[in-house]
Protein backbone atom coordinates (compact mmCIF):
# COMPACT_ATOMS: atom_id res chain seq x y z
CA UNK A 1 0.00 0.00 0.00
CA UNK A 2 1.56 3.28 -1.08
CA UNK A 3 1.78 6.03 1.54
CA UNK A 4 1.10 3.72 4.47
CA UNK A 5 3.21 4.26 7.57
CA UNK A 6 5.62 1.51 8.47
CA UNK A 7 4.93 -0.24 11.78
CA UNK A 8 6.61 1.70 14.57
CA UNK A 9 7.41 4.63 12.28
CA UNK A 10 5.14 6.93 14.28
CA UNK A 11 5.73 5.32 17.67
CA UNK A 12 7.16 8.50 19.20
CA UNK A 13 4.55 10.84 17.74
CA UNK A 14 2.21 12.23 20.39
CA UNK A 15 0.07 14.56 18.28
CA UNK A 16 -0.83 14.83 14.60
CA UNK A 17 -2.08 18.11 13.16
CA UNK A 18 -4.10 17.86 9.96
CA UNK A 19 -4.27 20.80 7.56
CA UNK A 20 -7.15 20.00 5.23
CA UNK A 21 -9.29 21.64 2.59
CA UNK A 22 -11.41 20.28 -0.21
CA UNK A 23 -10.32 23.10 -2.45
CA UNK A 24 -6.96 23.80 -4.06
CA UNK A 25 -4.99 27.00 -3.79
CA UNK A 26 -6.06 27.94 -0.28
CA UNK A 27 -2.59 27.91 1.33
CA UNK A 28 -2.39 24.45 2.92
CA UNK A 29 1.32 24.08 2.12
CA UNK A 30 2.08 27.57 3.39
CA UNK A 31 0.19 26.98 6.64
CA UNK A 32 1.87 23.58 7.12
CA UNK A 33 5.34 25.00 6.51
CA UNK A 34 4.87 28.05 8.73
CA UNK A 35 3.36 25.92 11.51
CA UNK A 36 6.25 23.44 11.34
CA UNK A 37 8.79 26.27 11.49
CA UNK A 38 7.02 27.94 14.41
CA UNK A 39 6.83 24.67 16.35
CA UNK A 40 10.50 23.95 15.64
CA UNK A 41 11.45 27.45 16.78
CA UNK A 42 9.45 26.90 19.98
CA UNK A 43 11.43 23.71 20.64
CA UNK A 44 8.49 21.37 20.07
CA UNK A 45 10.40 19.03 17.75
CA UNK A 46 13.18 16.76 18.97
PDB file of N, CA and C in Angstrom:
ATOM      1  N   UNK A   1       0.854  -1.176   0.000  1.00  0.00           N
ATOM      2  CA  UNK A   1       0.000   0.000   0.000  1.00  0.00           C
ATOM      3  C   UNK A   1       0.896   1.234   0.000  1.00  0.00           C
ATOM      4  N   UNK A   2       0.746   2.070  -0.951  1.00  0.00           N
ATOM      5  CA  UNK A   2       1.559   3.276  -1.076  1.00  0.00           C
ATOM      6  C   UNK A   2       1.114   4.326  -0.063  1.00  0.00           C
ATOM      7  N   UNK A   3       2.083   4.969   0.591  1.00  0.00           N
ATOM      8  CA  UNK A   3       1.778   6.032   1.536  1.00  0.00           C
ATOM      9  C   UNK A   3       1.435   5.552   2.940  1.00  0.00           C
ATOM     10  N   UNK A   4       1.410   4.239   3.136  1.00  0.00           N
ATOM     11  CA  UNK A   4       1.103   3.718   4.468  1.00  0.00           C
ATOM     12  C   UNK A   4       2.325   3.833   5.361  1.00  0.00           C
ATOM     13  N   UNK A   5       2.112   4.155   6.614  1.00  0.00           N
ATOM     14  CA  UNK A   5       3.207   4.260   7.572  1.00  0.00           C
ATOM     15  C   UNK A   5       3.717   2.869   7.916  1.00  0.00           C
ATOM     16  N   UNK A   6       5.028   2.766   8.060  1.00  0.00           N
ATOM     17  CA  UNK A   6       5.621   1.508   8.468  1.00  0.00           C
ATOM     18  C   UNK A   6       5.318   1.287   9.951  1.00  0.00           C
ATOM     19  N   UNK A   7       5.181   0.036  10.365  1.00  0.00           N
ATOM     20  CA  UNK A   7       4.927  -0.235  11.780  1.00  0.00           C
ATOM     21  C   UNK A   7       6.027   0.375  12.647  1.00  0.00           C
ATOM     22  N   UNK A   8       5.646   1.082  13.675  1.00  0.00           N
ATOM     23  CA  UNK A   8       6.607   1.700  14.570  1.00  0.00           C
ATOM     24  C   UNK A   8       7.175   3.012  14.079  1.00  0.00           C
ATOM     25  N   UNK A   9       6.868   3.393  12.848  1.00  0.00           N
ATOM     26  CA  UNK A   9       7.413   4.626  12.276  1.00  0.00           C
ATOM     27  C   UNK A   9       6.912   5.856  13.030  1.00  0.00           C
ATOM     28  N   UNK A  10       5.716   5.801  13.558  1.00  0.00           N
ATOM     29  CA  UNK A  10       5.136   6.933  14.275  1.00  0.00           C
ATOM     30  C   UNK A  10       5.034   6.661  15.777  1.00  0.00           C
ATOM     31  N   UNK A  11       5.825   5.722  16.266  1.00  0.00           N
ATOM     32  CA  UNK A  11       5.728   5.316  17.668  1.00  0.00           C
ATOM     33  C   UNK A  11       5.961   6.470  18.634  1.00  0.00           C
ATOM     34  N   UNK A  12       6.862   7.398  18.304  1.00  0.00           N
ATOM     35  CA  UNK A  12       7.163   8.499  19.203  1.00  0.00           C
ATOM     36  C   UNK A  12       6.310   9.734  18.994  1.00  0.00           C
ATOM     37  N   UNK A  13       5.387   9.683  18.048  1.00  0.00           N
ATOM     38  CA  UNK A  13       4.548  10.841  17.743  1.00  0.00           C
ATOM     39  C   UNK A  13       3.404  10.911  18.744  1.00  0.00           C
ATOM     40  N   UNK A  14       3.269  12.077  19.391  1.00  0.00           N
ATOM     41  CA  UNK A  14       2.213  12.233  20.388  1.00  0.00           C
ATOM     42  C   UNK A  14       0.987  12.930  19.820  1.00  0.00           C
ATOM     43  N   UNK A  15       1.187  13.817  18.862  1.00  0.00           N
ATOM     44  CA  UNK A  15       0.075  14.561  18.281  1.00  0.00           C
ATOM     45  C   UNK A  15       0.261  14.654  16.772  1.00  0.00           C
ATOM     46  N   UNK A  16      -0.841  14.640  16.052  1.00  0.00           N
ATOM     47  CA  UNK A  16      -0.832  14.834  14.605  1.00  0.00           C
ATOM     48  C   UNK A  16      -1.767  15.998  14.307  1.00  0.00           C
ATOM     49  N   UNK A  17      -1.267  16.956  13.546  1.00  0.00           N
ATOM     50  CA  UNK A  17      -2.081  18.111  13.158  1.00  0.00           C
ATOM     51  C   UNK A  17      -2.394  17.974  11.679  1.00  0.00           C
ATOM     52  N   UNK A  18      -3.659  18.000  11.333  1.00  0.00           N
ATOM     53  CA  UNK A  18      -4.097  17.863   9.956  1.00  0.00           C
ATOM     54  C   UNK A  18      -4.487  19.224   9.401  1.00  0.00           C
ATOM     55  N   UNK A  19      -3.901  19.574   8.261  1.00  0.00           N
ATOM     56  CA  UNK A  19      -4.272  20.803   7.557  1.00  0.00           C
ATOM     57  C   UNK A  19      -5.002  20.336   6.306  1.00  0.00           C
ATOM     58  N   UNK A  20      -6.303  20.600   6.246  1.00  0.00           N
ATOM     59  CA  UNK A  20      -7.148  19.999   5.227  1.00  0.00           C
ATOM     60  C   UNK A  20      -8.079  21.012   4.593  1.00  0.00           C
ATOM     61  N   UNK A  21      -8.292  20.855   3.308  1.00  0.00           N
ATOM     62  CA  UNK A  21      -9.291  21.635   2.593  1.00  0.00           C
ATOM     63  C   UNK A  21      -9.696  20.848   1.363  1.00  0.00           C
ATOM     64  N   UNK A  22     -10.927  20.951   0.981  1.00  0.00           N
ATOM     65  CA  UNK A  22     -11.407  20.276  -0.212  1.00  0.00           C
ATOM     66  C   UNK A  22     -11.133  21.066  -1.477  1.00  0.00           C
ATOM     67  N   UNK A  23     -10.552  22.210  -1.320  1.00  0.00           N
ATOM     68  CA  UNK A  23     -10.319  23.100  -2.453  1.00  0.00           C
ATOM     69  C   UNK A  23      -8.821  23.350  -2.602  1.00  0.00           C
ATOM     70  N   UNK A  24      -8.370  23.505  -3.814  1.00  0.00           N
ATOM     71  CA  UNK A  24      -6.962  23.797  -4.063  1.00  0.00           C
ATOM     72  C   UNK A  24      -6.677  25.279  -3.992  1.00  0.00           C
ATOM     73  N   UNK A  25      -5.410  25.610  -3.765  1.00  0.00           N
ATOM     74  CA  UNK A  25      -4.985  27.005  -3.791  1.00  0.00           C
ATOM     75  C   UNK A  25      -5.411  27.834  -2.603  1.00  0.00           C
ATOM     76  N   UNK A  26      -5.616  27.191  -1.452  1.00  0.00           N
ATOM     77  CA  UNK A  26      -6.057  27.941  -0.275  1.00  0.00           C
ATOM     78  C   UNK A  26      -4.946  28.135   0.756  1.00  0.00           C
ATOM     79  N   UNK A  27      -3.733  27.671   0.458  1.00  0.00           N
ATOM     80  CA  UNK A  27      -2.594  27.909   1.333  1.00  0.00           C
ATOM     81  C   UNK A  27      -2.259  26.794   2.305  1.00  0.00           C
ATOM     82  N   UNK A  28      -2.672  25.565   2.014  1.00  0.00           N
ATOM     83  CA  UNK A  28      -2.387  24.447   2.918  1.00  0.00           C
ATOM     84  C   UNK A  28      -0.889  24.243   3.105  1.00  0.00           C
ATOM     85  N   UNK A  29      -0.137  24.282   2.032  1.00  0.00           N
ATOM     86  CA  UNK A  29       1.316  24.085   2.118  1.00  0.00           C
ATOM     87  C   UNK A  29       1.973  25.211   2.892  1.00  0.00           C
ATOM     88  N   UNK A  30       1.522  26.424   2.668  1.00  0.00           N
ATOM     89  CA  UNK A  30       2.076  27.575   3.386  1.00  0.00           C
ATOM     90  C   UNK A  30       1.789  27.461   4.875  1.00  0.00           C
ATOM     91  N   UNK A  31       0.565  27.132   5.227  1.00  0.00           N
ATOM     92  CA  UNK A  31       0.191  26.983   6.636  1.00  0.00           C
ATOM     93  C   UNK A  31       0.993  25.850   7.277  1.00  0.00           C
ATOM     94  N   UNK A  32       1.119  24.722   6.586  1.00  0.00           N
ATOM     95  CA  UNK A  32       1.868  23.584   7.120  1.00  0.00           C
ATOM     96  C   UNK A  32       3.327  23.936   7.357  1.00  0.00           C
ATOM     97  N   UNK A  33       3.937  24.616   6.395  1.00  0.00           N
ATOM     98  CA  UNK A  33       5.345  25.002   6.510  1.00  0.00           C
ATOM     99  C   UNK A  33       5.555  25.997   7.638  1.00  0.00           C
ATOM    100  N   UNK A  34       4.730  27.027   7.690  1.00  0.00           N
ATOM    101  CA  UNK A  34       4.871  28.046   8.733  1.00  0.00           C
ATOM    102  C   UNK A  34       4.615  27.464  10.122  1.00  0.00           C
ATOM    103  N   UNK A  35       3.642  26.564  10.230  1.00  0.00           N
ATOM    104  CA  UNK A  35       3.357  25.919  11.510  1.00  0.00           C
ATOM    105  C   UNK A  35       4.533  25.051  11.949  1.00  0.00           C
ATOM    106  N   UNK A  36       5.095  24.281  11.021  1.00  0.00           N
ATOM    107  CA  UNK A  36       6.252  23.439  11.336  1.00  0.00           C
ATOM    108  C   UNK A  36       7.436  24.281  11.789  1.00  0.00           C
ATOM    109  N   UNK A  37       7.689  25.384  11.110  1.00  0.00           N
ATOM    110  CA  UNK A  37       8.794  26.268  11.489  1.00  0.00           C
ATOM    111  C   UNK A  37       8.562  26.905  12.858  1.00  0.00           C
ATOM    112  N   UNK A  38       7.336  27.324  13.119  1.00  0.00           N
ATOM    113  CA  UNK A  38       7.019  27.940  14.410  1.00  0.00           C
ATOM    114  C   UNK A  38       7.168  26.927  15.550  1.00  0.00           C
ATOM    115  N   UNK A  39       6.700  25.701  15.331  1.00  0.00           N
ATOM    116  CA  UNK A  39       6.830  24.669  16.355  1.00  0.00           C
ATOM    117  C   UNK A  39       8.294  24.311  16.589  1.00  0.00           C
ATOM    118  N   UNK A  40       9.063  24.240  15.513  1.00  0.00           N
ATOM    119  CA  UNK A  40      10.497  23.951  15.637  1.00  0.00           C
ATOM    120  C   UNK A  40      11.195  25.068  16.420  1.00  0.00           C
ATOM    121  N   UNK A  41      10.864  26.299  16.098  1.00  0.00           N
ATOM    122  CA  UNK A  41      11.454  27.452  16.780  1.00  0.00           C
ATOM    123  C   UNK A  41      11.091  27.459  18.269  1.00  0.00           C
ATOM    124  N   UNK A  42       9.903  26.961  18.589  1.00  0.00           N
ATOM    125  CA  UNK A  42       9.448  26.898  19.979  1.00  0.00           C
ATOM    126  C   UNK A  42      10.009  25.677  20.715  1.00  0.00           C
ATOM    127  N   UNK A  43      10.819  24.874  20.014  1.00  0.00           N
ATOM    128  CA  UNK A  43      11.431  23.706  20.639  1.00  0.00           C
ATOM    129  C   UNK A  43      10.510  22.517  20.769  1.00  0.00           C
ATOM    130  N   UNK A  44       9.473  22.452  19.961  1.00  0.00           N
ATOM    131  CA  UNK A  44       8.489  21.370  20.068  1.00  0.00           C
ATOM    132  C   UNK A  44       8.858  20.135  19.261  1.00  0.00           C
ATOM    133  N   UNK A  45       9.969  20.190  18.525  1.00  0.00           N
ATOM    134  CA  UNK A  45      10.397  19.032  17.751  1.00  0.00           C
ATOM    135  C   UNK A  45      11.759  18.583  18.256  1.00  0.00           C
ATOM    136  N   UNK A  46      11.912  17.285  18.460  1.00  0.00           N
ATOM    137  CA  UNK A  46      13.182  16.760  18.975  1.00  0.00           C
ATOM    138  C   UNK A  46      14.278  16.855  17.973  1.00  0.00           C
TER     139      UNK A  46
END
